Full PDB file with SEQRES, HELIX, SHEET, SSBOND, CRYST1, ORIGX, SCALE, CONECT and MASTER records, all heavy atoms in Angstrom:
SEQRES   1 A   42  PRO PRO PHE GLY SER PRO ALA ASN PRO VAL ASP VAL THR          
SEQRES   2 A   42  ALA GLN VAL ILE ASN ASP PRO GLN GLY MET THR GLU CYS          
SEQRES   3 A   42  LEU SER ALA LEU GLU ALA ASP PRO ASN VAL ASP MET MET          
SEQRES   4 A   42  SER VAL VAL                                                  
HELIX    1 AA1 ALA A   14  ASN A   18  5                                   5    
HELIX    2 AA2 GLY A   22  ALA A   32  1                                  11    
CRYST1    1.000    1.000    1.000  90.00  90.00  90.00 P 1           1          
ORIGX1      1.000000  0.000000  0.000000        0.00000                         
ORIGX2      0.000000  1.000000  0.000000        0.00000                         
ORIGX3      0.000000  0.000000  1.000000        0.00000                         
SCALE1      1.000000  0.000000  0.000000        0.00000                         
SCALE2      0.000000  1.000000  0.000000        0.00000                         
SCALE3      0.000000  0.000000  1.000000        0.00000                         
ATOM      1  N   PRO A   1       1.105  71.279  75.423  1.00  0.00           N  
ATOM      2  CA  PRO A   1       0.246  70.397  76.192  1.00  0.00           C  
ATOM      3  C   PRO A   1       0.353  68.967  75.578  1.00  0.00           C  
ATOM      4  O   PRO A   1       0.767  68.751  74.513  1.00  0.00           O  
ATOM      5  CB  PRO A   1      -1.240  70.981  75.924  1.00  0.00           C  
ATOM      6  CG  PRO A   1      -1.048  71.797  74.722  1.00  0.00           C  
ATOM      7  CD  PRO A   1       0.327  72.396  74.657  1.00  0.00           C  
ATOM      8  N   PRO A   2      -0.086  68.023  76.357  1.00  0.00           N  
ATOM      9  CA  PRO A   2       0.022  66.584  75.960  1.00  0.00           C  
ATOM     10  C   PRO A   2      -0.760  66.283  74.606  1.00  0.00           C  
ATOM     11  O   PRO A   2      -0.233  65.423  73.847  1.00  0.00           O  
ATOM     12  CB  PRO A   2      -0.519  65.772  77.075  1.00  0.00           C  
ATOM     13  CG  PRO A   2      -0.449  66.674  78.307  1.00  0.00           C  
ATOM     14  CD  PRO A   2      -0.542  68.053  77.736  1.00  0.00           C  
ATOM     15  N   PHE A   3      -1.723  67.030  74.343  1.00  0.00           N  
ATOM     16  CA  PHE A   3      -2.517  66.775  73.183  1.00  0.00           C  
ATOM     17  C   PHE A   3      -1.938  67.579  71.994  1.00  0.00           C  
ATOM     18  O   PHE A   3      -2.530  67.556  70.856  1.00  0.00           O  
ATOM     19  CB  PHE A   3      -3.991  67.103  73.339  1.00  0.00           C  
ATOM     20  CG  PHE A   3      -4.233  68.433  73.998  1.00  0.00           C  
ATOM     21  CD1 PHE A   3      -4.385  69.616  73.240  1.00  0.00           C  
ATOM     22  CD2 PHE A   3      -4.445  68.626  75.398  1.00  0.00           C  
ATOM     23  CE1 PHE A   3      -4.528  70.859  73.819  1.00  0.00           C  
ATOM     24  CE2 PHE A   3      -4.558  69.760  75.885  1.00  0.00           C  
ATOM     25  CZ  PHE A   3      -4.742  70.951  75.114  1.00  0.00           C  
ATOM     26  N   GLY A   4      -0.867  68.302  72.161  1.00  0.00           N  
ATOM     27  CA  GLY A   4      -0.152  68.887  71.002  1.00  0.00           C  
ATOM     28  C   GLY A   4       0.610  67.956  70.321  1.00  0.00           C  
ATOM     29  O   GLY A   4       0.699  66.756  70.718  1.00  0.00           O  
ATOM     30  N   SER A   5       1.536  68.264  69.314  1.00  0.00           N  
ATOM     31  CA  SER A   5       2.352  67.471  68.629  1.00  0.00           C  
ATOM     32  C   SER A   5       3.781  68.090  68.414  1.00  0.00           C  
ATOM     33  O   SER A   5       3.841  69.222  67.934  1.00  0.00           O  
ATOM     34  CB  SER A   5       1.829  67.204  67.163  1.00  0.00           C  
ATOM     35  OG  SER A   5       2.739  66.447  66.376  1.00  0.00           O  
ATOM     36  N   PRO A   6       4.793  67.397  68.882  1.00  0.00           N  
ATOM     37  CA  PRO A   6       6.186  67.909  68.724  1.00  0.00           C  
ATOM     38  C   PRO A   6       6.790  67.487  67.392  1.00  0.00           C  
ATOM     39  O   PRO A   6       7.917  67.832  67.091  1.00  0.00           O  
ATOM     40  CB  PRO A   6       6.851  67.221  69.860  1.00  0.00           C  
ATOM     41  CG  PRO A   6       6.327  65.819  69.979  1.00  0.00           C  
ATOM     42  CD  PRO A   6       4.771  66.110  69.584  1.00  0.00           C  
ATOM     43  N   ALA A   7       6.048  66.795  66.501  1.00  0.00           N  
ATOM     44  CA  ALA A   7       6.473  66.404  65.287  1.00  0.00           C  
ATOM     45  C   ALA A   7       6.417  67.638  64.252  1.00  0.00           C  
ATOM     46  O   ALA A   7       6.131  68.735  64.723  1.00  0.00           O  
ATOM     47  CB  ALA A   7       5.735  65.236  64.692  1.00  0.00           C  
ATOM     48  N   ASN A   8       6.685  67.406  63.091  1.00  0.00           N  
ATOM     49  CA  ASN A   8       6.629  68.437  62.159  1.00  0.00           C  
ATOM     50  C   ASN A   8       5.567  68.207  61.058  1.00  0.00           C  
ATOM     51  O   ASN A   8       5.538  67.160  60.405  1.00  0.00           O  
ATOM     52  CB  ASN A   8       7.981  68.518  61.328  1.00  0.00           C  
ATOM     53  CG  ASN A   8       8.198  69.720  60.521  1.00  0.00           C  
ATOM     54  OD1 ASN A   8       7.498  70.725  60.716  1.00  0.00           O  
ATOM     55  ND2 ASN A   8       9.187  69.800  59.631  1.00  0.00           N  
ATOM     56  N   PRO A   9       4.415  68.948  61.054  1.00  0.00           N  
ATOM     57  CA  PRO A   9       4.264  70.214  61.711  1.00  0.00           C  
ATOM     58  C   PRO A   9       4.113  70.107  63.222  1.00  0.00           C  
ATOM     59  O   PRO A   9       3.559  69.205  63.772  1.00  0.00           O  
ATOM     60  CB  PRO A   9       2.892  70.736  61.167  1.00  0.00           C  
ATOM     61  CG  PRO A   9       2.718  69.948  59.946  1.00  0.00           C  
ATOM     62  CD  PRO A   9       3.282  68.674  60.204  1.00  0.00           C  
ATOM     63  N   VAL A  10       4.638  71.141  63.915  1.00  0.00           N  
ATOM     64  CA  VAL A  10       4.612  71.288  65.407  1.00  0.00           C  
ATOM     65  C   VAL A  10       3.286  71.979  65.732  1.00  0.00           C  
ATOM     66  O   VAL A  10       3.065  73.081  65.302  1.00  0.00           O  
ATOM     67  CB  VAL A  10       5.758  72.123  65.935  1.00  0.00           C  
ATOM     68  CG1 VAL A  10       5.585  72.315  67.393  1.00  0.00           C  
ATOM     69  CG2 VAL A  10       7.115  71.402  65.592  1.00  0.00           C  
ATOM     70  N   ASP A  11       2.418  71.190  66.385  1.00  0.00           N  
ATOM     71  CA  ASP A  11       1.128  71.840  66.859  1.00  0.00           C  
ATOM     72  C   ASP A  11       1.232  72.249  68.294  1.00  0.00           C  
ATOM     73  O   ASP A  11       1.173  71.365  69.241  1.00  0.00           O  
ATOM     74  CB  ASP A  11       0.053  70.704  66.619  1.00  0.00           C  
ATOM     75  CG  ASP A  11      -1.390  71.239  66.955  1.00  0.00           C  
ATOM     76  OD1 ASP A  11      -1.498  72.491  67.235  1.00  0.00           O  
ATOM     77  OD2 ASP A  11      -2.223  70.411  66.970  1.00  0.00           O  
ATOM     78  N   VAL A  12       1.364  73.532  68.493  1.00  0.00           N  
ATOM     79  CA  VAL A  12       1.500  74.042  69.926  1.00  0.00           C  
ATOM     80  C   VAL A  12       0.097  74.214  70.500  1.00  0.00           C  
ATOM     81  O   VAL A  12      -0.055  74.438  71.711  1.00  0.00           O  
ATOM     82  CB  VAL A  12       2.244  75.389  69.966  1.00  0.00           C  
ATOM     83  CG1 VAL A  12       3.648  75.190  69.389  1.00  0.00           C  
ATOM     84  CG2 VAL A  12       1.538  76.477  69.175  1.00  0.00           C  
ATOM     85  N   THR A  13      -0.950  74.070  69.650  1.00  0.00           N  
ATOM     86  CA  THR A  13      -2.392  74.307  70.035  1.00  0.00           C  
ATOM     87  C   THR A  13      -2.614  75.699  70.481  1.00  0.00           C  
ATOM     88  O   THR A  13      -1.759  76.439  70.652  1.00  0.00           O  
ATOM     89  CB  THR A  13      -2.828  73.219  71.134  1.00  0.00           C  
ATOM     90  OG1 THR A  13      -2.416  73.707  72.398  1.00  0.00           O  
ATOM     91  CG2 THR A  13      -2.312  71.816  70.758  1.00  0.00           C  
ATOM     92  N   ALA A  14      -3.873  75.943  70.630  1.00  0.00           N  
ATOM     93  CA  ALA A  14      -4.343  77.279  71.156  1.00  0.00           C  
ATOM     94  C   ALA A  14      -3.859  77.517  72.641  1.00  0.00           C  
ATOM     95  O   ALA A  14      -4.018  78.656  73.092  1.00  0.00           O  
ATOM     96  CB  ALA A  14      -5.899  77.406  71.058  1.00  0.00           C  
ATOM     97  N   GLN A  15      -3.406  76.479  73.233  1.00  0.00           N  
ATOM     98  CA  GLN A  15      -2.922  76.687  74.641  1.00  0.00           C  
ATOM     99  C   GLN A  15      -1.688  77.489  74.814  1.00  0.00           C  
ATOM    100  O   GLN A  15      -1.259  77.887  75.810  1.00  0.00           O  
ATOM    101  CB  GLN A  15      -2.611  75.285  75.336  1.00  0.00           C  
ATOM    102  CG  GLN A  15      -3.868  74.385  75.501  1.00  0.00           C  
ATOM    103  CD  GLN A  15      -4.897  75.048  76.399  1.00  0.00           C  
ATOM    104  OE1 GLN A  15      -4.524  75.531  77.480  1.00  0.00           O  
ATOM    105  NE2 GLN A  15      -6.088  74.948  76.060  1.00  0.00           N  
ATOM    106  N   VAL A  16      -1.074  77.900  73.584  1.00  0.00           N  
ATOM    107  CA  VAL A  16       0.085  78.734  73.599  1.00  0.00           C  
ATOM    108  C   VAL A  16      -0.368  80.066  74.283  1.00  0.00           C  
ATOM    109  O   VAL A  16       0.554  80.794  74.843  1.00  0.00           O  
ATOM    110  CB  VAL A  16       0.523  79.014  72.102  1.00  0.00           C  
ATOM    111  CG1 VAL A  16      -0.455  79.818  71.370  1.00  0.00           C  
ATOM    112  CG2 VAL A  16       1.936  79.707  72.091  1.00  0.00           C  
ATOM    113  N   ILE A  17      -1.623  80.402  74.252  1.00  0.00           N  
ATOM    114  CA  ILE A  17      -2.009  81.754  74.884  1.00  0.00           C  
ATOM    115  C   ILE A  17      -1.769  81.693  76.365  1.00  0.00           C  
ATOM    116  O   ILE A  17      -1.753  82.704  77.094  1.00  0.00           O  
ATOM    117  CB  ILE A  17      -3.506  82.026  74.706  1.00  0.00           C  
ATOM    118  CG1 ILE A  17      -4.470  80.917  75.244  1.00  0.00           C  
ATOM    119  CG2 ILE A  17      -3.741  82.024  73.174  1.00  0.00           C  
ATOM    120  CD1 ILE A  17      -5.887  81.291  75.053  1.00  0.00           C  
ATOM    121  N   ASN A  18      -1.608  80.469  77.026  1.00  0.00           N  
ATOM    122  CA  ASN A  18      -1.387  80.438  78.500  1.00  0.00           C  
ATOM    123  C   ASN A  18       0.093  80.413  78.843  1.00  0.00           C  
ATOM    124  O   ASN A  18       0.422  80.427  80.003  1.00  0.00           O  
ATOM    125  CB  ASN A  18      -2.100  79.073  78.967  1.00  0.00           C  
ATOM    126  CG  ASN A  18      -3.567  79.196  78.845  1.00  0.00           C  
ATOM    127  OD1 ASN A  18      -4.155  80.247  78.934  1.00  0.00           O  
ATOM    128  ND2 ASN A  18      -4.143  77.986  78.551  1.00  0.00           N  
ATOM    129  N   ASP A  19       0.977  80.312  77.883  1.00  0.00           N  
ATOM    130  CA  ASP A  19       2.453  80.287  78.147  1.00  0.00           C  
ATOM    131  C   ASP A  19       3.079  81.396  77.373  1.00  0.00           C  
ATOM    132  O   ASP A  19       3.271  81.511  76.173  1.00  0.00           O  
ATOM    133  CB  ASP A  19       3.010  78.980  77.635  1.00  0.00           C  
ATOM    134  CG  ASP A  19       4.448  78.873  78.023  1.00  0.00           C  
ATOM    135  OD1 ASP A  19       5.096  79.864  78.392  1.00  0.00           O  
ATOM    136  OD2 ASP A  19       4.998  77.691  77.885  1.00  0.00           O  
ATOM    137  N   PRO A  20       3.448  82.496  78.164  1.00  0.00           N  
ATOM    138  CA  PRO A  20       4.014  83.694  77.561  1.00  0.00           C  
ATOM    139  C   PRO A  20       5.325  83.512  76.779  1.00  0.00           C  
ATOM    140  O   PRO A  20       5.691  84.281  75.909  1.00  0.00           O  
ATOM    141  CB  PRO A  20       4.218  84.643  78.617  1.00  0.00           C  
ATOM    142  CG  PRO A  20       4.339  83.766  79.939  1.00  0.00           C  
ATOM    143  CD  PRO A  20       3.520  82.570  79.559  1.00  0.00           C  
ATOM    144  N   GLN A  21       6.103  82.332  76.980  1.00  0.00           N  
ATOM    145  CA  GLN A  21       7.252  82.079  76.229  1.00  0.00           C  
ATOM    146  C   GLN A  21       7.267  80.820  75.430  1.00  0.00           C  
ATOM    147  O   GLN A  21       8.255  80.363  74.912  1.00  0.00           O  
ATOM    148  CB  GLN A  21       8.482  82.067  77.236  1.00  0.00           C  
ATOM    149  CG  GLN A  21       8.751  83.365  77.910  1.00  0.00           C  
ATOM    150  CD  GLN A  21       9.100  84.423  76.852  1.00  0.00           C  
ATOM    151  OE1 GLN A  21       9.839  84.229  75.882  1.00  0.00           O  
ATOM    152  NE2 GLN A  21       8.623  85.657  76.995  1.00  0.00           N  
ATOM    153  N   GLY A  22       6.132  80.180  75.319  1.00  0.00           N  
ATOM    154  CA  GLY A  22       6.086  78.915  74.595  1.00  0.00           C  
ATOM    155  C   GLY A  22       6.395  79.000  73.222  1.00  0.00           C  
ATOM    156  O   GLY A  22       7.087  78.118  72.626  1.00  0.00           O  
ATOM    157  N   MET A  23       5.900  80.023  72.560  1.00  0.00           N  
ATOM    158  CA  MET A  23       6.065  80.112  71.095  1.00  0.00           C  
ATOM    159  C   MET A  23       7.693  80.363  70.856  1.00  0.00           C  
ATOM    160  O   MET A  23       8.218  79.731  69.896  1.00  0.00           O  
ATOM    161  CB  MET A  23       5.238  81.269  70.495  1.00  0.00           C  
ATOM    162  CG  MET A  23       5.512  81.499  69.033  1.00  0.00           C  
ATOM    163  SD  MET A  23       4.896  80.142  67.965  1.00  0.00           S  
ATOM    164  CE  MET A  23       3.173  80.409  68.068  1.00  0.00           C  
ATOM    165  N   THR A  24       8.247  81.119  71.624  1.00  0.00           N  
ATOM    166  CA  THR A  24       9.630  81.522  71.494  1.00  0.00           C  
ATOM    167  C   THR A  24      10.442  80.264  71.595  1.00  0.00           C  
ATOM    168  O   THR A  24      11.483  79.984  70.859  1.00  0.00           O  
ATOM    169  CB  THR A  24      10.170  82.519  72.499  1.00  0.00           C  
ATOM    170  OG1 THR A  24       9.432  83.754  72.329  1.00  0.00           O  
ATOM    171  CG2 THR A  24      11.657  82.797  72.395  1.00  0.00           C  
ATOM    172  N   GLU A  25      10.223  79.426  72.592  1.00  0.00           N  
ATOM    173  CA  GLU A  25      10.931  78.210  72.863  1.00  0.00           C  
ATOM    174  C   GLU A  25      10.769  77.183  71.683  1.00  0.00           C  
ATOM    175  O   GLU A  25      11.728  76.557  71.266  1.00  0.00           O  
ATOM    176  CB  GLU A  25      10.511  77.513  74.154  1.00  0.00           C  
ATOM    177  CG  GLU A  25      11.187  76.144  74.408  1.00  0.00           C  
ATOM    178  CD  GLU A  25      12.662  76.360  74.657  1.00  0.00           C  
ATOM    179  OE1 GLU A  25      13.229  77.482  74.849  1.00  0.00           O  
ATOM    180  OE2 GLU A  25      13.363  75.262  74.674  1.00  0.00           O  
ATOM    181  N   CYS A  26       9.615  77.061  71.193  1.00  0.00           N  
ATOM    182  CA  CYS A  26       9.310  76.126  70.044  1.00  0.00           C  
ATOM    183  C   CYS A  26      10.089  76.678  68.791  1.00  0.00           C  
ATOM    184  O   CYS A  26      10.731  75.954  68.099  1.00  0.00           O  
ATOM    185  CB  CYS A  26       7.852  76.066  69.744  1.00  0.00           C  
ATOM    186  SG  CYS A  26       6.908  75.086  70.993  1.00  0.00           S  
ATOM    187  N   LEU A  27      10.009  78.005  68.606  1.00  0.00           N  
ATOM    188  CA  LEU A  27      10.805  78.541  67.386  1.00  0.00           C  
ATOM    189  C   LEU A  27      12.332  78.348  67.586  1.00  0.00           C  
ATOM    190  O   LEU A  27      12.984  77.959  66.577  1.00  0.00           O  
ATOM    191  CB  LEU A  27      10.465  80.026  67.281  1.00  0.00           C  
ATOM    192  CG  LEU A  27       9.040  80.377  66.800  1.00  0.00           C  
ATOM    193  CD1 LEU A  27       8.758  81.908  66.917  1.00  0.00           C  
ATOM    194  CD2 LEU A  27       8.877  80.059  65.290  1.00  0.00           C  
ATOM    195  N   SER A  28      12.862  78.582  68.722  1.00  0.00           N  
ATOM    196  CA  SER A  28      14.222  78.444  68.942  1.00  0.00           C  
ATOM    197  C   SER A  28      14.637  76.898  68.785  1.00  0.00           C  
ATOM    198  O   SER A  28      15.726  76.563  68.295  1.00  0.00           O  
ATOM    199  CB  SER A  28      14.573  78.858  70.443  1.00  0.00           C  
ATOM    200  OG  SER A  28      14.310  80.210  70.552  1.00  0.00           O  
ATOM    201  N   ALA A  29      13.785  76.026  69.120  1.00  0.00           N  
ATOM    202  CA  ALA A  29      14.010  74.506  68.922  1.00  0.00           C  
ATOM    203  C   ALA A  29      14.119  74.216  67.485  1.00  0.00           C  
ATOM    204  O   ALA A  29      14.900  73.471  67.043  1.00  0.00           O  
ATOM    205  CB  ALA A  29      13.034  73.718  69.665  1.00  0.00           C  
ATOM    206  N   LEU A  30      13.130  74.736  66.728  1.00  0.00           N  
ATOM    207  CA  LEU A  30      13.109  74.572  65.235  1.00  0.00           C  
ATOM    208  C   LEU A  30      14.385  75.122  64.583  1.00  0.00           C  
ATOM    209  O   LEU A  30      15.022  74.554  63.684  1.00  0.00           O  
ATOM    210  CB  LEU A  30      11.912  75.210  64.585  1.00  0.00           C  
ATOM    211  CG  LEU A  30      10.646  74.345  64.625  1.00  0.00           C  
ATOM    212  CD1 LEU A  30       9.470  75.099  63.899  1.00  0.00           C  
ATOM    213  CD2 LEU A  30      10.769  73.034  64.005  1.00  0.00           C  
ATOM    214  N   GLU A  31      14.826  76.364  65.010  1.00  0.00           N  
ATOM    215  CA  GLU A  31      15.979  76.959  64.444  1.00  0.00           C  
ATOM    216  C   GLU A  31      17.121  76.127  64.740  1.00  0.00           C  
ATOM    217  O   GLU A  31      18.052  76.101  63.831  1.00  0.00           O  
ATOM    218  CB  GLU A  31      16.107  78.435  64.977  1.00  0.00           C  
ATOM    219  CG  GLU A  31      17.297  79.086  64.331  1.00  0.00           C  
ATOM    220  CD  GLU A  31      17.642  80.421  65.057  1.00  0.00           C  
ATOM    221  OE1 GLU A  31      17.402  80.538  66.230  1.00  0.00           O  
ATOM    222  OE2 GLU A  31      18.014  81.483  64.292  1.00  0.00           O  
ATOM    223  N   ALA A  32      17.203  75.556  65.840  1.00  0.00           N  
ATOM    224  CA  ALA A  32      18.499  74.738  66.139  1.00  0.00           C  
ATOM    225  C   ALA A  32      18.439  73.371  65.550  1.00  0.00           C  
ATOM    226  O   ALA A  32      19.544  72.755  65.494  1.00  0.00           O  
ATOM    227  CB  ALA A  32      18.574  74.613  67.666  1.00  0.00           C  
ATOM    228  N   ASP A  33      17.458  72.887  65.006  1.00  0.00           N  
ATOM    229  CA  ASP A  33      17.338  71.527  64.450  1.00  0.00           C  
ATOM    230  C   ASP A  33      18.048  71.548  63.025  1.00  0.00           C  
ATOM    231  O   ASP A  33      17.788  72.355  62.176  1.00  0.00           O  
ATOM    232  CB  ASP A  33      15.875  71.140  64.156  1.00  0.00           C  
ATOM    233  CG  ASP A  33      15.743  69.716  63.892  1.00  0.00           C  
ATOM    234  OD1 ASP A  33      16.309  69.275  62.832  1.00  0.00           O  
ATOM    235  OD2 ASP A  33      15.082  69.015  64.613  1.00  0.00           O  
ATOM    236  N   PRO A  34      19.070  70.664  62.897  1.00  0.00           N  
ATOM    237  CA  PRO A  34      19.852  70.635  61.651  1.00  0.00           C  
ATOM    238  C   PRO A  34      19.041  70.230  60.439  1.00  0.00           C  
ATOM    239  O   PRO A  34      19.479  70.389  59.250  1.00  0.00           O  
ATOM    240  CB  PRO A  34      20.926  69.657  61.986  1.00  0.00           C  
ATOM    241  CG  PRO A  34      20.332  68.764  63.048  1.00  0.00           C  
ATOM    242  CD  PRO A  34      19.501  69.645  63.872  1.00  0.00           C  
ATOM    243  N   ASN A  35      17.877  69.637  60.668  1.00  0.00           N  
ATOM    244  CA  ASN A  35      17.069  69.209  59.559  1.00  0.00           C  
ATOM    245  C   ASN A  35      16.064  70.298  59.062  1.00  0.00           C  
ATOM    246  O   ASN A  35      15.311  70.011  58.076  1.00  0.00           O  
ATOM    247  CB  ASN A  35      16.147  67.994  59.943  1.00  0.00           C  
ATOM    248  CG  ASN A  35      17.018  66.830  60.324  1.00  0.00           C  
ATOM    249  OD1 ASN A  35      17.906  66.526  59.629  1.00  0.00           O  
ATOM    250  ND2 ASN A  35      16.578  66.067  61.388  1.00  0.00           N  
ATOM    251  N   VAL A  36      16.124  71.518  59.567  1.00  0.00           N  
ATOM    252  CA  VAL A  36      15.233  72.595  59.222  1.00  0.00           C  
ATOM    253  C   VAL A  36      16.016  73.747  58.589  1.00  0.00           C  
ATOM    254  O   VAL A  36      17.052  74.218  59.168  1.00  0.00           O  
ATOM    255  CB  VAL A  36      14.506  73.084  60.436  1.00  0.00           C  
ATOM    256  CG1 VAL A  36      13.656  74.396  60.110  1.00  0.00           C  
ATOM    257  CG2 VAL A  36      13.555  72.036  61.000  1.00  0.00           C  
ATOM    258  N   ASP A  37      15.665  74.211  57.379  1.00  0.00           N  
ATOM    259  CA  ASP A  37      16.359  75.215  56.752  1.00  0.00           C  
ATOM    260  C   ASP A  37      15.599  76.521  56.766  1.00  0.00           C  
ATOM    261  O   ASP A  37      16.102  77.656  56.717  1.00  0.00           O  
ATOM    262  CB  ASP A  37      16.519  74.972  55.249  1.00  0.00           C  
ATOM    263  CG  ASP A  37      17.406  73.687  55.082  1.00  0.00           C  
ATOM    264  OD1 ASP A  37      18.451  73.605  55.608  1.00  0.00           O  
ATOM    265  OD2 ASP A  37      16.962  72.745  54.321  1.00  0.00           O  
ATOM    266  N   MET A  38      14.248  76.471  56.978  1.00  0.00           N  
ATOM    267  CA  MET A  38      13.376  77.735  57.043  1.00  0.00           C  
ATOM    268  C   MET A  38      12.090  77.368  57.796  1.00  0.00           C  
ATOM    269  O   MET A  38      11.858  76.166  58.030  1.00  0.00           O  
ATOM    270  CB  MET A  38      13.068  78.219  55.692  1.00  0.00           C  
ATOM    271  CG  MET A  38      12.678  77.163  54.686  1.00  0.00           C  
ATOM    272  SD  MET A  38      12.557  77.748  53.028  1.00  0.00           S  
ATOM    273  CE  MET A  38      12.374  76.212  52.136  1.00  0.00           C  
ATOM    274  N   MET A  39      11.359  78.352  58.242  1.00  0.00           N  
ATOM    275  CA  MET A  39      10.239  78.111  59.046  1.00  0.00           C  
ATOM    276  C   MET A  39       8.988  78.761  58.617  1.00  0.00           C  
ATOM    277  O   MET A  39       9.101  79.953  58.090  1.00  0.00           O  
ATOM    278  CB  MET A  39      10.616  78.605  60.472  1.00  0.00           C  
ATOM    279  CG  MET A  39      11.656  77.839  61.234  1.00  0.00           C  
ATOM    280  SD  MET A  39      12.267  78.600  62.724  1.00  0.00           S  
ATOM    281  CE  MET A  39      13.481  79.759  62.069  1.00  0.00           C  
ATOM    282  N   SER A  40       7.907  78.059  58.845  1.00  0.00           N  
ATOM    283  CA  SER A  40       6.568  78.689  58.616  1.00  0.00           C  
ATOM    284  C   SER A  40       5.787  78.619  59.871  1.00  0.00           C  
ATOM    285  O   SER A  40       5.685  77.614  60.489  1.00  0.00           O  
ATOM    286  CB  SER A  40       5.807  77.728  57.628  1.00  0.00           C  
ATOM    287  OG  SER A  40       4.433  78.028  57.524  1.00  0.00           O  
ATOM    288  N   VAL A  41       5.316  79.851  60.226  1.00  0.00           N  
ATOM    289  CA  VAL A  41       4.506  79.951  61.495  1.00  0.00           C  
ATOM    290  C   VAL A  41       3.039  80.240  60.995  1.00  0.00           C  
ATOM    291  O   VAL A  41       2.790  81.175  60.331  1.00  0.00           O  
ATOM    292  CB  VAL A  41       4.998  81.149  62.337  1.00  0.00           C  
ATOM    293  CG1 VAL A  41       4.192  81.412  63.518  1.00  0.00           C  
ATOM    294  CG2 VAL A  41       6.493  80.993  62.620  1.00  0.00           C  
ATOM    295  N   VAL A  42       2.141  79.361  61.425  1.00  0.00           N  
ATOM    296  CA  VAL A  42       0.760  79.512  61.078  1.00  0.00           C  
ATOM    297  C   VAL A  42      -0.051  79.678  62.342  1.00  0.00           C  
ATOM    298  O   VAL A  42      -0.150  78.712  63.164  1.00  0.00           O  
ATOM    299  CB  VAL A  42       0.261  78.246  60.312  1.00  0.00           C  
ATOM    300  CG1 VAL A  42      -1.144  78.440  59.895  1.00  0.00           C  
ATOM    301  CG2 VAL A  42       1.192  77.957  59.064  1.00  0.00           C  
TER     302      VAL A  42                                                      
MASTER        0    0    0    2    0    0    0    6  301    1    0    4          
END                                                                             
């Protein structure tokens, strides 16, 4: 959502519950980023 944050940390907000594939897409984007070596999911 617009009130989330695409920066790092990535804030998908609680609205992730309304998008069945939102978490997967965000994780895939982080994995593909050359500046990221490992991931923390909170």
